[in-house]
Amino acid sequence: MKRRYLVLTDEVRRHPFRKSLPLQRTVEVSKDDSDLKLFALSFTAFFVCFYTFLA
């Protein structure tokens, strides 16, 4: 799992709202491909339905 930093380091935080945020917080990025599979399934289903109406 990759970790990405959501909050910038202390040197770059100049806005008062950013200064009030904690220095570092990490988020786990999942490699779940369910969204890609759902898109492929939906695209294929739409294509099949559209093609059957044209033929």
C-alpha atoms as a PDB file:
ATOM      1  CA  MET A   1       0.000   0.000   0.000  1.00  0.00           C
ATOM      2  CA  LYS A   2       1.245   3.459  -0.883  1.00  0.00           C
ATOM      3  CA  ARG A   3       0.851   6.277   1.596  1.00  0.00           C
ATOM      4  CA  ARG A   4       0.198   9.835   0.433  1.00  0.00           C
ATOM      5  CA  TYR A   5       0.621  12.953   2.524  1.00  0.00           C
ATOM      6  CA  LEU A   6      -2.479  15.142   2.619  1.00  0.00           C
ATOM      7  CA  VAL A   7      -0.964  18.051   4.517  1.00  0.00           C
ATOM      8  CA  LEU A   8       2.062  19.985   3.351  1.00  0.00           C
ATOM      9  CA  THR A   9       5.178  20.446   5.437  1.00  0.00           C
ATOM     10  CA  ASP A  10       5.509  23.394   7.814  1.00  0.00           C
ATOM     11  CA  GLU A  11       7.574  25.587   5.448  1.00  0.00           C
ATOM     12  CA  VAL A  12       4.935  25.675   2.731  1.00  0.00           C
ATOM     13  CA  ARG A  13       1.893  26.204   4.947  1.00  0.00           C
ATOM     14  CA  ARG A  14       1.301  29.952   4.935  1.00  0.00           C
ATOM     15  CA  HIS A  15      -2.473  30.286   5.008  1.00  0.00           C
ATOM     16  CA  PRO A  16      -3.968  30.466   8.543  1.00  0.00           C
ATOM     17  CA  PHE A  17      -6.309  27.556   7.829  1.00  0.00           C
ATOM     18  CA  ARG A  18      -3.416  25.391   6.681  1.00  0.00           C
ATOM     19  CA  LYS A  19      -1.427  26.369   9.756  1.00  0.00           C
ATOM     20  CA  SER A  20      -4.257  25.110  11.949  1.00  0.00           C
ATOM     21  CA  LEU A  21      -4.138  21.660  10.330  1.00  0.00           C
ATOM     22  CA  PRO A  22      -1.891  18.905  11.705  1.00  0.00           C
ATOM     23  CA  LEU A  23       1.525  18.531  10.106  1.00  0.00           C
ATOM     24  CA  GLN A  24       1.160  15.075   8.560  1.00  0.00           C
ATOM     25  CA  ARG A  25      -1.667  12.701   7.984  1.00  0.00           C
ATOM     26  CA  THR A  26      -1.420   9.625   5.778  1.00  0.00           C
ATOM     27  CA  VAL A  27      -4.068   7.847   3.776  1.00  0.00           C
ATOM     28  CA  GLU A  28      -3.821   4.315   2.480  1.00  0.00           C
ATOM     29  CA  VAL A  29      -4.417   4.057  -1.255  1.00  0.00           C
ATOM     30  CA  SER A  30      -6.030   0.766  -2.178  1.00  0.00           C
ATOM     31  CA  LYS A  31      -5.452  -0.969  -5.470  1.00  0.00           C
ATOM     32  CA  ASP A  32      -9.033  -2.144  -5.771  1.00  0.00           C
ATOM     33  CA  ASP A  33     -10.105  -2.451  -9.394  1.00  0.00           C
ATOM     34  CA  SER A  34     -13.824  -2.890  -8.742  1.00  0.00           C
ATOM     35  CA  ASP A  35     -14.574   0.558 -10.211  1.00  0.00           C
ATOM     36  CA  LEU A  36     -12.771  -0.359 -13.421  1.00  0.00           C
ATOM     37  CA  LYS A  37     -14.618  -3.668 -13.626  1.00  0.00           C
ATOM     38  CA  LEU A  38     -17.954  -1.925 -13.064  1.00  0.00           C
ATOM     39  CA  PHE A  39     -17.152   0.606 -15.790  1.00  0.00           C
ATOM     40  CA  ALA A  40     -16.185  -2.137 -18.244  1.00  0.00           C
ATOM     41  CA  LEU A  41     -19.343  -4.106 -17.465  1.00  0.00           C
ATOM     42  CA  SER A  42     -21.575  -1.040 -17.830  1.00  0.00           C
ATOM     43  CA  PHE A  43     -19.898   0.026 -21.066  1.00  0.00           C
ATOM     44  CA  THR A  44     -20.251  -3.455 -22.535  1.00  0.00           C
ATOM     45  CA  ALA A  45     -23.902  -3.733 -21.478  1.00  0.00           C
ATOM     46  CA  PHE A  46     -24.692  -0.340 -22.997  1.00  0.00           C
ATOM     47  CA  PHE A  47     -22.910  -1.267 -26.226  1.00  0.00           C
ATOM     48  CA  VAL A  48     -24.793  -4.580 -26.511  1.00  0.00           C
ATOM     49  CA  CYS A  49     -28.161  -2.926 -25.844  1.00  0.00           C
ATOM     50  CA  PHE A  50     -27.481  -0.073 -28.268  1.00  0.00           C
ATOM     51  CA  TYR A  51     -26.266  -2.450 -30.983  1.00  0.00           C
ATOM     52  CA  THR A  52     -29.320  -4.692 -30.645  1.00  0.00           C
ATOM     53  CA  PHE A  53     -31.648  -1.712 -31.130  1.00  0.00           C
ATOM     54  CA  LEU A  54     -29.797  -0.691 -34.315  1.00  0.00           C
ATOM     55  CA  ALA A  55     -29.697  -4.164 -35.864  1.00  0.00           C
END
